[in-house]
C-alpha atoms as a PDB file:
ATOM      1  CA  MET A   1       5.358 -10.660 -23.593  1.00  0.00           C
ATOM      2  CA  LYS A   2       6.338 -10.408 -19.966  1.00  0.00           C
ATOM      3  CA  ILE A   3       4.859  -8.187 -17.288  1.00  0.00           C
ATOM      4  CA  ILE A   4       7.602  -6.820 -15.124  1.00  0.00           C
ATOM      5  CA  VAL A   5       6.813  -5.406 -11.701  1.00  0.00           C
ATOM      6  CA  CYS A   6       9.480  -2.998 -10.362  1.00  0.00           C
ATOM      7  CA  ALA A   7       9.436  -3.579  -6.594  1.00  0.00           C
ATOM      8  CA  PRO A   8      11.657  -3.222  -3.533  1.00  0.00           C
ATOM      9  CA  SER A   9      12.759  -6.187  -1.445  1.00  0.00           C
ATOM     10  CA  TYR A  10       9.796  -7.963   0.134  1.00  0.00           C
ATOM     11  CA  ASP A  11       9.075  -6.545   3.589  1.00  0.00           C
ATOM     12  CA  GLU A  12       6.056  -7.724   5.587  1.00  0.00           C
ATOM     13  CA  ASN A  13       5.826  -4.354   7.278  1.00  0.00           C
ATOM     14  CA  SER A  14       5.732  -2.311   4.079  1.00  0.00           C
ATOM     15  CA  GLY A  15       2.350  -2.059   2.442  1.00  0.00           C
ATOM     16  CA  GLY A  16       3.883  -0.859  -0.833  1.00  0.00           C
ATOM     17  CA  ALA A  17       6.339  -3.769  -1.037  1.00  0.00           C
ATOM     18  CA  ILE A  18       3.601  -6.248  -0.190  1.00  0.00           C
ATOM     19  CA  VAL A  19       1.132  -5.155  -2.873  1.00  0.00           C
ATOM     20  CA  LEU A  20       3.804  -4.952  -5.563  1.00  0.00           C
ATOM     21  CA  HIS A  21       4.944  -8.482  -4.888  1.00  0.00           C
ATOM     22  CA  ARG A  22       1.321  -9.657  -4.485  1.00  0.00           C
ATOM     23  CA  LEU A  23       0.479  -8.182  -7.934  1.00  0.00           C
ATOM     24  CA  CYS A  24       3.198 -10.281  -9.501  1.00  0.00           C
ATOM     25  CA  ALA A  25       2.013 -13.358  -7.630  1.00  0.00           C
ATOM     26  CA  ILE A  26      -1.664 -12.934  -8.705  1.00  0.00           C
ATOM     27  CA  ILE A  27      -0.653 -12.568 -12.346  1.00  0.00           C
ATOM     28  CA  ASN A  28       1.241 -15.823 -12.249  1.00  0.00           C
ATOM     29  CA  GLU A  29      -0.916 -17.834  -9.900  1.00  0.00           C
ATOM     30  CA  TYR A  30      -4.153 -17.123 -11.718  1.00  0.00           C
ATOM     31  CA  ASN A  31      -2.626 -17.539 -15.222  1.00  0.00           C
ATOM     32  CA  ILE A  32      -3.300 -13.905 -16.108  1.00  0.00           C
ATOM     33  CA  GLY A  33       0.118 -13.476 -17.639  1.00  0.00           C
ATOM     34  CA  ASN A  34       3.840 -14.148 -17.309  1.00  0.00           C
ATOM     35  CA  ALA A  35       5.142 -11.852 -14.499  1.00  0.00           C
ATOM     36  CA  TYR A  36       8.505 -11.127 -12.946  1.00  0.00           C
ATOM     37  CA  ILE A  37       9.937  -8.917 -10.201  1.00  0.00           C
ATOM     38  CA  ALA A  38      12.634  -6.397 -11.152  1.00  0.00           C
ATOM     39  CA  PRO A  39      14.434  -5.115  -8.006  1.00  0.00           C
ATOM     40  CA  LEU A  40      13.842  -1.435  -7.392  1.00  0.00           C
ATOM     41  CA  ASN A  41      17.265   0.158  -7.189  1.00  0.00           C
ATOM     42  CA  PRO A  42      17.508   3.182  -4.747  1.00  0.00           C
ATOM     43  CA  ALA A  43      18.916   5.179  -7.662  1.00  0.00           C
ATOM     44  CA  TYR A  44      15.538   4.949  -9.362  1.00  0.00           C
ATOM     45  CA  LEU A  45      14.173   7.303  -6.680  1.00  0.00           C
ATOM     46  CA  THR A  46      16.812  10.028  -6.985  1.00  0.00           C
ATOM     47  CA  ASN A  47      17.440  10.423 -10.718  1.00  0.00           C
ATOM     48  CA  GLY A  48      20.864  11.956  -9.837  1.00  0.00           C
ATOM     49  CA  LYS A  49      19.268  14.695  -7.756  1.00  0.00           C
ATOM     50  CA  VAL A  50      19.144  15.373  -4.009  1.00  0.00           C
ATOM     51  CA  LYS A  51      15.663  14.698  -2.637  1.00  0.00           C
ATOM     52  CA  LYS A  52      13.810  16.097   0.367  1.00  0.00           C
ATOM     53  CA  TYR A  53      12.903  12.791   1.984  1.00  0.00           C
ATOM     54  CA  PHE A  54      16.134  11.005   2.826  1.00  0.00           C
ATOM     55  CA  SER A  55      14.217   8.502   5.030  1.00  0.00           C
ATOM     56  CA  TYR A  56      12.409   7.270   1.989  1.00  0.00           C
ATOM     57  CA  ILE A  57      15.699   6.631   0.189  1.00  0.00           C
ATOM     58  CA  TRP A  58      16.745   4.664   3.229  1.00  0.00           C
ATOM     59  CA  TRP A  59      13.559   2.599   2.920  1.00  0.00           C
ATOM     60  CA  ALA A  60      14.678   1.545  -0.532  1.00  0.00           C
ATOM     61  CA  LEU A  61      18.298   0.857   0.596  1.00  0.00           C
ATOM     62  CA  LYS A  62      17.161  -1.621   3.264  1.00  0.00           C
ATOM     63  CA  ASN A  63      17.853  -5.287   2.479  1.00  0.00           C
ATOM     64  CA  GLN A  64      19.339  -4.464  -0.939  1.00  0.00           C
ATOM     65  CA  SER A  65      22.340  -6.723  -0.137  1.00  0.00           C
ATOM     66  CA  GLU A  66      19.890  -9.659   0.071  1.00  0.00           C
ATOM     67  CA  PHE A  67      16.810  -9.046  -2.071  1.00  0.00           C
ATOM     68  CA  LYS A  68      13.934 -10.874  -0.468  1.00  0.00           C
ATOM     69  CA  LEU A  69      10.862 -12.564  -1.994  1.00  0.00           C
ATOM     70  CA  ASN A  70       7.814 -14.117  -0.291  1.00  0.00           C
ATOM     71  CA  LYS A  71       8.695 -17.834  -0.486  1.00  0.00           C
ATOM     72  CA  ASN A  72       4.982 -18.729  -0.607  1.00  0.00           C
ATOM     73  CA  TRP A  73       4.286 -16.654  -3.671  1.00  0.00           C
ATOM     74  CA  LYS A  74       5.229 -17.259  -7.348  1.00  0.00           C
ATOM     75  CA  THR A  75       7.302 -14.136  -7.915  1.00  0.00           C
ATOM     76  CA  PRO A  76      10.405 -15.012  -9.987  1.00  0.00           C
ATOM     77  CA  LEU A  77      13.181 -12.449 -10.275  1.00  0.00           C
ATOM     78  CA  LEU A  78      13.876 -10.970 -13.709  1.00  0.00           C
ATOM     79  CA  LYS A  79      17.409 -11.653 -14.928  1.00  0.00           C
ATOM     80  CA  GLU A  80      19.409  -8.648 -16.064  1.00  0.00           C
ATOM     81  CA  ASN A  81      18.892  -7.374 -19.625  1.00  0.00           C
ATOM     82  CA  GLU A  82      15.853  -9.579 -20.142  1.00  0.00           C
ATOM     83  CA  ILE A  83      13.347  -6.869 -21.087  1.00  0.00           C
ATOM     84  CA  SER A  84      12.114  -7.136 -24.692  1.00  0.00           C
ATOM     85  CA  ASP A  85      10.352  -4.454 -26.824  1.00  0.00           C
ATOM     86  CA  ASP A  86       6.904  -6.004 -26.155  1.00  0.00           C
ATOM     87  CA  ASP A  87       7.228  -6.304 -22.368  1.00  0.00           C
ATOM     88  CA  ILE A  88       5.199  -4.140 -20.006  1.00  0.00           C
ATOM     89  CA  VAL A  89       7.011  -2.625 -16.992  1.00  0.00           C
ATOM     90  CA  ILE A  90       4.886  -1.533 -13.984  1.00  0.00           C
ATOM     91  CA  TYR A  91       6.546   1.094 -11.787  1.00  0.00           C
ATOM     92  CA  PRO A  92       5.253   2.388  -8.494  1.00  0.00           C
ATOM     93  CA  GLU A  93       4.717   6.151  -8.649  1.00  0.00           C
ATOM     94  CA  VAL A  94       7.944   6.854  -6.657  1.00  0.00           C
ATOM     95  CA  VAL A  95      10.163   5.675  -9.533  1.00  0.00           C
ATOM     96  CA  LEU A  96      11.496   8.596 -11.518  1.00  0.00           C
ATOM     97  CA  GLY A  97      11.743   8.359 -15.271  1.00  0.00           C
ATOM     98  CA  ASN A  98      12.036   4.973 -16.994  1.00  0.00           C
ATOM     99  CA  PRO A  99      15.225   3.370 -15.583  1.00  0.00           C
ATOM    100  CA  LEU A 100      14.558  -0.020 -17.180  1.00  0.00           C
ATOM    101  CA  HIS A 101      14.222   1.612 -20.602  1.00  0.00           C
ATOM    102  CA  ALA A 102      10.893  -0.121 -21.315  1.00  0.00           C
ATOM    103  CA  ASN A 103       8.800   0.703 -24.410  1.00  0.00           C
ATOM    104  CA  ASN A 104       5.535   0.095 -22.489  1.00  0.00           C
ATOM    105  CA  VAL A 105       5.288   1.802 -19.087  1.00  0.00           C
ATOM    106  CA  VAL A 106       2.578   1.578 -16.498  1.00  0.00           C
ATOM    107  CA  ARG A 107       2.576   3.774 -13.347  1.00  0.00           C
ATOM    108  CA  TRP A 108       0.811   2.279 -10.373  1.00  0.00           C
ATOM    109  CA  LEU A 109      -0.198   5.216  -8.155  1.00  0.00           C
ATOM    110  CA  LEU A 110       0.062   3.689  -4.625  1.00  0.00           C
ATOM    111  CA  HIS A 111       0.064   7.258  -3.144  1.00  0.00           C
ATOM    112  CA  GLN A 112      -0.238  10.786  -4.498  1.00  0.00           C
ATOM    113  CA  PRO A 113       2.549  11.371  -7.048  1.00  0.00           C
ATOM    114  CA  GLY A 114       5.415  13.241  -5.320  1.00  0.00           C
ATOM    115  CA  PHE A 115       4.140  12.556  -1.728  1.00  0.00           C
ATOM    116  CA  HIS A 116       7.215  10.609  -0.586  1.00  0.00           C
ATOM    117  CA  THR A 117      10.051  12.289  -2.424  1.00  0.00           C
ATOM    118  CA  GLY A 118       8.658  15.693  -3.233  1.00  0.00           C
ATOM    119  CA  ASN A 119       9.042  15.028  -6.950  1.00  0.00           C
ATOM    120  CA  PHE A 120       7.810  12.836  -9.792  1.00  0.00           C
ATOM    121  CA  ASP A 121       9.076  12.297 -13.326  1.00  0.00           C
ATOM    122  CA  PHE A 122       6.735  10.479 -15.683  1.00  0.00           C
ATOM    123  CA  GLY A 123       7.062  10.092 -19.437  1.00  0.00           C
ATOM    124  CA  SER A 124       4.570  10.332 -22.294  1.00  0.00           C
ATOM    125  CA  ASN A 125       2.378   7.496 -23.632  1.00  0.00           C
ATOM    126  CA  GLU A 126       2.202   5.860 -20.230  1.00  0.00           C
ATOM    127  CA  LEU A 127      -0.850   4.185 -18.636  1.00  0.00           C
ATOM    128  CA  TYR A 128      -1.714   5.134 -15.024  1.00  0.00           C
ATOM    129  CA  PHE A 129      -3.725   3.036 -12.543  1.00  0.00           C
ATOM    130  CA  LYS A 130      -4.820   4.361  -9.169  1.00  0.00           C
ATOM    131  CA  PHE A 131      -4.599   1.989  -6.209  1.00  0.00           C
ATOM    132  CA  ASN A 132      -7.956   3.115  -4.856  1.00  0.00           C
ATOM    133  CA  THR A 133     -10.347   6.018  -4.545  1.00  0.00           C
ATOM    134  CA  ALA A 134      -8.067   7.759  -1.939  1.00  0.00           C
ATOM    135  CA  ILE A 135      -5.681   8.629  -4.795  1.00  0.00           C
ATOM    136  CA  ASN A 136      -6.445  11.890  -6.559  1.00  0.00           C
ATOM    137  CA  ASP A 137      -7.054  11.883 -10.291  1.00  0.00           C
ATOM    138  CA  PHE A 138      -3.715  12.566 -12.053  1.00  0.00           C
ATOM    139  CA  SER A 139      -3.132  13.500 -15.653  1.00  0.00           C
ATOM    140  CA  LYS A 140      -0.124  14.320 -17.798  1.00  0.00           C
ATOM    141  CA  ASP A 141      -0.041  15.192 -21.492  1.00  0.00           C
ATOM    142  CA  GLY A 142       0.358  12.121 -23.653  1.00  0.00           C
ATOM    143  CA  SER A 143      -0.633   9.610 -21.012  1.00  0.00           C
ATOM    144  CA  LEU A 144      -3.868   8.019 -19.845  1.00  0.00           C
ATOM    145  CA  LEU A 145      -5.390   7.575 -16.382  1.00  0.00           C
ATOM    146  CA  SER A 146      -7.424   4.344 -16.463  1.00  0.00           C
ATOM    147  CA  LYS A 147     -10.947   4.241 -15.053  1.00  0.00           C
ATOM    148  CA  ASN A 148     -10.080   0.835 -13.600  1.00  0.00           C
ATOM    149  CA  GLU A 149      -8.508   0.859 -10.172  1.00  0.00           C
ATOM    150  CA  MET A 150      -5.798  -1.758  -9.511  1.00  0.00           C
ATOM    151  CA  LYS A 151      -6.545  -2.299  -5.790  1.00  0.00           C
ATOM    152  CA  VAL A 152      -4.632  -5.330  -4.621  1.00  0.00           C
ATOM    153  CA  ILE A 153      -5.169  -6.449  -1.035  1.00  0.00           C
ATOM    154  CA  TYR A 154      -3.374  -9.043   1.082  1.00  0.00           C
ATOM    155  CA  TYR A 155      -3.850  -9.122   4.835  1.00  0.00           C
ATOM    156  CA  PRO A 156      -2.482 -11.777   7.187  1.00  0.00           C
ATOM    157  CA  LEU A 157      -5.861 -12.382   8.844  1.00  0.00           C
ATOM    158  CA  GLU A 158      -4.585 -15.458  10.701  1.00  0.00           C
ATOM    159  CA  ILE A 159      -2.427 -13.176  12.894  1.00  0.00           C
ATOM    160  CA  TYR A 160      -4.982 -10.463  13.613  1.00  0.00           C
ATOM    161  CA  LYS A 161      -7.828 -12.229  15.293  1.00  0.00           C
ATOM    162  CA  LYS A 162      -9.609 -11.030  18.408  1.00  0.00           C
ATOM    163  CA  ASP A 163      -8.600 -13.035  21.511  1.00  0.00           C
ATOM    164  CA  GLU A 164     -10.961 -12.756  24.429  1.00  0.00           C
ATOM    165  CA  ASN A 165      -8.419 -14.520  26.728  1.00  0.00           C
ATOM    166  CA  ILE A 166      -5.876 -11.668  26.497  1.00  0.00           C
ATOM    167  CA  VAL A 167      -6.333  -9.019  29.158  1.00  0.00           C
ATOM    168  CA  LYS A 168      -6.544  -5.430  27.880  1.00  0.00           C
ATOM    169  CA  ASP A 169      -3.959  -3.804  30.040  1.00  0.00           C
ATOM    170  CA  ILE A 170      -2.750  -1.068  27.624  1.00  0.00           C
ATOM    171  CA  GLU A 171      -4.735   2.151  27.402  1.00  0.00           C
ATOM    172  CA  CYS A 172      -3.512   3.162  23.962  1.00  0.00           C
ATOM    173  CA  CYS A 173      -1.044   2.311  21.244  1.00  0.00           C
ATOM    174  CA  HIS A 174      -0.097   4.417  18.206  1.00  0.00           C
ATOM    175  CA  MET A 175       1.625   4.458  14.840  1.00  0.00           C
ATOM    176  CA  ILE A 176       3.409   7.409  13.142  1.00  0.00           C
ATOM    177  CA  ARG A 177       4.777   6.062   9.817  1.00  0.00           C
ATOM    178  CA  LYS A 178       3.844   8.586   7.059  1.00  0.00           C
ATOM    179  CA  GLY A 179       2.034  10.886   9.482  1.00  0.00           C
ATOM    180  CA  ASP A 180       5.050  12.408  11.159  1.00  0.00           C
ATOM    181  CA  TYR A 181       3.961  15.894  10.044  1.00  0.00           C
ATOM    182  CA  LYS A 182       0.736  15.770  12.079  1.00  0.00           C
ATOM    183  CA  LYS A 183       0.325  17.171  15.615  1.00  0.00           C
ATOM    184  CA  LYS A 184       0.658  14.416  18.157  1.00  0.00           C
ATOM    185  CA  VAL A 185      -2.415  13.667  20.225  1.00  0.00           C
ATOM    186  CA  HIS A 186      -1.703  10.280  21.760  1.00  0.00           C
ATOM    187  CA  PRO A 187      -1.305   9.894  25.571  1.00  0.00           C
ATOM    188  CA  GLU A 188       2.193   9.992  27.081  1.00  0.00           C
ATOM    189  CA  ASN A 189       1.939   6.357  28.100  1.00  0.00           C
ATOM    190  CA  SER A 190       0.867   5.187  24.600  1.00  0.00           C
ATOM    191  CA  VAL A 191       2.863   2.341  23.105  1.00  0.00           C
ATOM    192  CA  CYS A 192       4.469   3.054  19.708  1.00  0.00           C
ATOM    193  CA  ILE A 193       4.253   0.076  17.326  1.00  0.00           C
ATOM    194  CA  ASP A 194       6.282   1.517  14.437  1.00  0.00           C
ATOM    195  CA  GLY A 195       8.806  -1.038  13.211  1.00  0.00           C
ATOM    196  CA  LEU A 196       7.403  -4.026  15.052  1.00  0.00           C
ATOM    197  CA  THR A 197       6.654  -7.340  13.408  1.00  0.00           C
ATOM    198  CA  HIS A 198       3.103  -8.453  12.626  1.00  0.00           C
ATOM    199  CA  GLU A 199       3.170 -10.894  15.541  1.00  0.00           C
ATOM    200  CA  GLU A 200       4.467  -8.246  18.015  1.00  0.00           C
ATOM    201  CA  THR A 201       1.949  -5.691  16.714  1.00  0.00           C
ATOM    202  CA  ALA A 202      -1.011  -8.125  16.976  1.00  0.00           C
ATOM    203  CA  ILE A 203      -0.213  -8.854  20.666  1.00  0.00           C
ATOM    204  CA  ILE A 204      -0.187  -5.133  21.448  1.00  0.00           C
ATOM    205  CA  PHE A 205      -3.488  -4.554  19.561  1.00  0.00           C
ATOM    206  CA  LYS A 206      -5.108  -7.360  21.491  1.00  0.00           C
ATOM    207  CA  ARG A 207      -3.934  -5.832  24.825  1.00  0.00           C
ATOM    208  CA  SER A 208      -4.902  -2.279  23.899  1.00  0.00           C
ATOM    209  CA  HIS A 209      -8.191  -0.459  24.313  1.00  0.00           C
ATOM    210  CA  LYS A 210      -7.551   1.953  21.443  1.00  0.00           C
ATOM    211  CA  PHE A 211      -5.204   2.585  18.526  1.00  0.00           C
ATOM    212  CA  ILE A 212      -4.345   6.049  17.209  1.00  0.00           C
ATOM    213  CA  CYS A 213      -2.832   6.180  13.697  1.00  0.00           C
ATOM    214  CA  TYR A 214      -1.235   9.237  12.138  1.00  0.00           C
ATOM    215  CA  ASP A 215      -0.735   7.504   8.741  1.00  0.00           C
ATOM    216  CA  ASP A 216      -3.827   8.183   6.655  1.00  0.00           C
ATOM    217  CA  TYR A 217      -3.589   4.997   4.596  1.00  0.00           C
ATOM    218  CA  THR A 218      -2.276   1.910   6.282  1.00  0.00           C
ATOM    219  CA  ALA A 219      -3.819  -1.515   6.781  1.00  0.00           C
ATOM    220  CA  TYR A 220      -2.856  -1.350  10.442  1.00  0.00           C
ATOM    221  CA  SER A 221      -5.970   0.686  11.116  1.00  0.00           C
ATOM    222  CA  LEU A 222      -7.956  -2.355  10.043  1.00  0.00           C
ATOM    223  CA  PHE A 223      -5.640  -4.834  11.763  1.00  0.00           C
ATOM    224  CA  ALA A 224      -6.430  -3.045  15.041  1.00  0.00           C
ATOM    225  CA  VAL A 225     -10.142  -3.478  14.494  1.00  0.00           C
ATOM    226  CA  LEU A 226      -9.775  -7.167  13.672  1.00  0.00           C
ATOM    227  CA  SER A 227      -7.768  -7.551  16.869  1.00  0.00           C
ATOM    228  CA  GLY A 228     -10.545  -6.057  19.008  1.00  0.00           C
ATOM    229  CA  CYS A 229      -9.061  -2.532  19.381  1.00  0.00           C
ATOM    230  CA  ILE A 230     -10.904   0.775  18.771  1.00  0.00           C
ATOM    231  CA  SER A 231      -9.218   2.366  15.773  1.00  0.00           C
ATOM    232  CA  TYR A 232      -8.754   6.091  15.172  1.00  0.00           C
ATOM    233  CA  VAL A 233      -7.055   7.969  12.283  1.00  0.00           C
ATOM    234  CA  VAL A 234      -5.826  11.491  12.980  1.00  0.00           C
ATOM    235  CA  PRO A 235      -7.200  13.675  10.124  1.00  0.00           C
ATOM    236  CA  GLY A 236      -4.913  15.769   7.972  1.00  0.00           C
ATOM    237  CA  ASP A 237      -5.433  19.525   8.057  1.00  0.00           C
ATOM    238  CA  GLY A 238      -8.386  20.417   5.855  1.00  0.00           C
ATOM    239  CA  VAL A 239      -8.900  16.847   4.659  1.00  0.00           C
ATOM    240  CA  THR A 240     -12.571  15.891   4.852  1.00  0.00           C
ATOM    241  CA  ILE A 241     -13.744  12.371   5.459  1.00  0.00           C
ATOM    242  CA  ASP A 242     -14.940  12.064   1.843  1.00  0.00           C
ATOM    243  CA  GLU A 243     -11.570  13.233   0.597  1.00  0.00           C
ATOM    244  CA  TRP A 244      -9.845  10.743   2.925  1.00  0.00           C
ATOM    245  CA  TYR A 245     -11.847   7.744   1.675  1.00  0.00           C
ATOM    246  CA  PRO A 246     -14.636   8.412  -0.839  1.00  0.00           C
ATOM    247  CA  ASN A 247     -15.736   4.769  -0.615  1.00  0.00           C
ATOM    248  CA  THR A 248     -17.747   4.260   2.517  1.00  0.00           C
ATOM    249  CA  GLU A 249     -16.841   0.602   2.861  1.00  0.00           C
ATOM    250  CA  ASP A 250     -13.132   1.540   3.189  1.00  0.00           C
ATOM    251  CA  ARG A 251     -14.022   3.376   6.394  1.00  0.00           C
ATOM    252  CA  TYR A 252     -15.631   0.415   8.157  1.00  0.00           C
ATOM    253  CA  GLY A 253     -14.502   0.111  11.757  1.00  0.00           C
ATOM    254  CA  ILE A 254     -12.350   3.259  11.748  1.00  0.00           C
ATOM    255  CA  ALA A 255     -13.074   6.582  13.453  1.00  0.00           C
ATOM    256  CA  TYR A 256     -11.766   9.530  11.399  1.00  0.00           C
ATOM    257  CA  GLY A 257     -10.989  11.879  14.220  1.00  0.00           C
ATOM    258  CA  PHE A 258     -12.345  11.688  17.762  1.00  0.00           C
ATOM    259  CA  SER A 259     -15.918  12.949  17.592  1.00  0.00           C
ATOM    260  CA  GLU A 260     -18.760  10.978  19.211  1.00  0.00           C
ATOM    261  CA  HIS A 261     -20.299  10.505  15.755  1.00  0.00           C
ATOM    262  CA  GLN A 262     -17.111   8.898  14.395  1.00  0.00           C
ATOM    263  CA  GLU A 263     -16.612   6.740  17.511  1.00  0.00           C
ATOM    264  CA  ARG A 264     -20.206   5.475  17.093  1.00  0.00           C
ATOM    265  CA  TRP A 265     -19.583   4.779  13.391  1.00  0.00           C
ATOM    266  CA  ALA A 266     -16.482   2.782  14.234  1.00  0.00           C
ATOM    267  CA  LYS A 267     -18.323   0.642  16.809  1.00  0.00           C
ATOM    268  CA  ASP A 268     -21.403   0.132  14.612  1.00  0.00           C
ATOM    269  CA  THR A 269     -19.357  -1.006  11.619  1.00  0.00           C
ATOM    270  CA  LYS A 270     -16.490  -2.970  13.191  1.00  0.00           C
ATOM    271  CA  ASP A 271     -18.178  -6.333  12.643  1.00  0.00           C
ATOM    272  CA  LYS A 272     -18.256  -5.658   8.861  1.00  0.00           C
ATOM    273  CA  VAL A 273     -14.503  -5.333   8.549  1.00  0.00           C
ATOM    274  CA  GLU A 274     -13.498  -9.009   8.268  1.00  0.00           C
ATOM    275  CA  LEU A 275     -16.139  -9.778   5.592  1.00  0.00           C
ATOM    276  CA  HIS A 276     -15.050  -6.642   3.722  1.00  0.00           C
ATOM    277  CA  VAL A 277     -11.434  -7.716   3.787  1.00  0.00           C
ATOM    278  CA  LEU A 278     -12.257 -11.237   2.551  1.00  0.00           C
ATOM    279  CA  LYS A 279     -14.294  -9.701  -0.255  1.00  0.00           C
ATOM    280  CA  GLU A 280     -11.374  -7.419  -1.187  1.00  0.00           C
ATOM    281  CA  HIS A 281      -9.060 -10.431  -1.400  1.00  0.00           C
ATOM    282  CA  GLU A 282     -11.359 -11.977  -3.954  1.00  0.00           C
ATOM    283  CA  LEU A 283     -11.916  -8.729  -5.874  1.00  0.00           C
ATOM    284  CA  SER A 284      -8.143  -8.184  -6.110  1.00  0.00           C
ATOM    285  CA  VAL A 285      -7.852 -11.008  -8.634  1.00  0.00           C
ATOM    286  CA  GLU A 286     -10.740  -9.642 -10.785  1.00  0.00           C
ATOM    287  CA  ARG A 287      -9.269  -6.153 -10.718  1.00  0.00           C
ATOM    288  CA  VAL A 288      -5.856  -7.416 -11.821  1.00  0.00           C
ATOM    289  CA  LYS A 289      -7.450  -9.380 -14.714  1.00  0.00           C
ATOM    290  CA  ARG A 290      -9.241  -6.207 -15.946  1.00  0.00           C
ATOM    291  CA  CYS A 291      -6.177  -4.024 -15.618  1.00  0.00           C
ATOM    292  CA  ILE A 292      -3.799  -6.418 -17.329  1.00  0.00           C
ATOM    293  CA  SER A 293      -6.286  -6.817 -20.171  1.00  0.00           C
ATOM    294  CA  GLU A 294      -6.412  -3.024 -20.548  1.00  0.00           C
ATOM    295  CA  MET A 295      -2.597  -2.853 -20.543  1.00  0.00           C
ATOM    296  CA  LYS A 296      -2.389  -5.299 -23.376  1.00  0.00           C
ATOM    297  CA  ILE A 297      -4.942  -3.404 -25.454  1.00  0.00           C
ATOM    298  CA  PHE A 298      -3.324  -0.008 -24.696  1.00  0.00           C
ATOM    299  CA  PHE A 299       0.160  -1.101 -25.734  1.00  0.00           C
ATOM    300  CA  LYS A 300      -0.846  -3.266 -28.654  1.00  0.00           C
END
């Protein structure tokens, strides 16, 4: 039995691509199973229909001519037509239907189903895993939402480290990403970091006094804290802090909005962020072990 992770080309600036490849690597490197990467074809996101978010289709099209892997991780590519009846295929929630025609399908909910493309298409007798507590409970007749969360974390901590020798000469930097629908509140002279490499982003964080993020769920909010920058997330309309992140530890170092209370929370908890991240790295392996074990039992 193989475990096949359907993933886009590896992209160090895409959280979704990183965790999908990291999942495959953990399964192999910790002898949890025998895992492979199956390239996510852009057609898997359209299902022959026109979708609302063309930019998301473009995300999948990038680098398709040269599918990339992380050379430091054990993530072998699946050869064509190598899926057997007993294999388990893990799709991110953006994939519509079952394009690999697998008997055993897992949906990994990295975001709310339908958030990116305005649509979802899941089958029956599937097993769902949420990435974390920020994902809403989701149910569909004939399928099961696991009580186990498959939260896989990998952060390049060596890049994002506070450097007291760098002068803070930038008032503010910001990131839009998936928060383009929100009202813009950053200063006119704010530096946009969308699309920059980790190395370029880290330098700007270390030079900046504050970071404003419109994307609700991105590791860059934590990277800013690790780099010595005050980190803010612009709240979505009507989304309470408990709805944003029910787990208090996931909010360490981040101000949700711009109130004095939230700014104080961010400052008081910023020193807990690195330890929390290191703990999450370790817990990722244990979570994957539990979830793979559940998959094998569910599809037995």
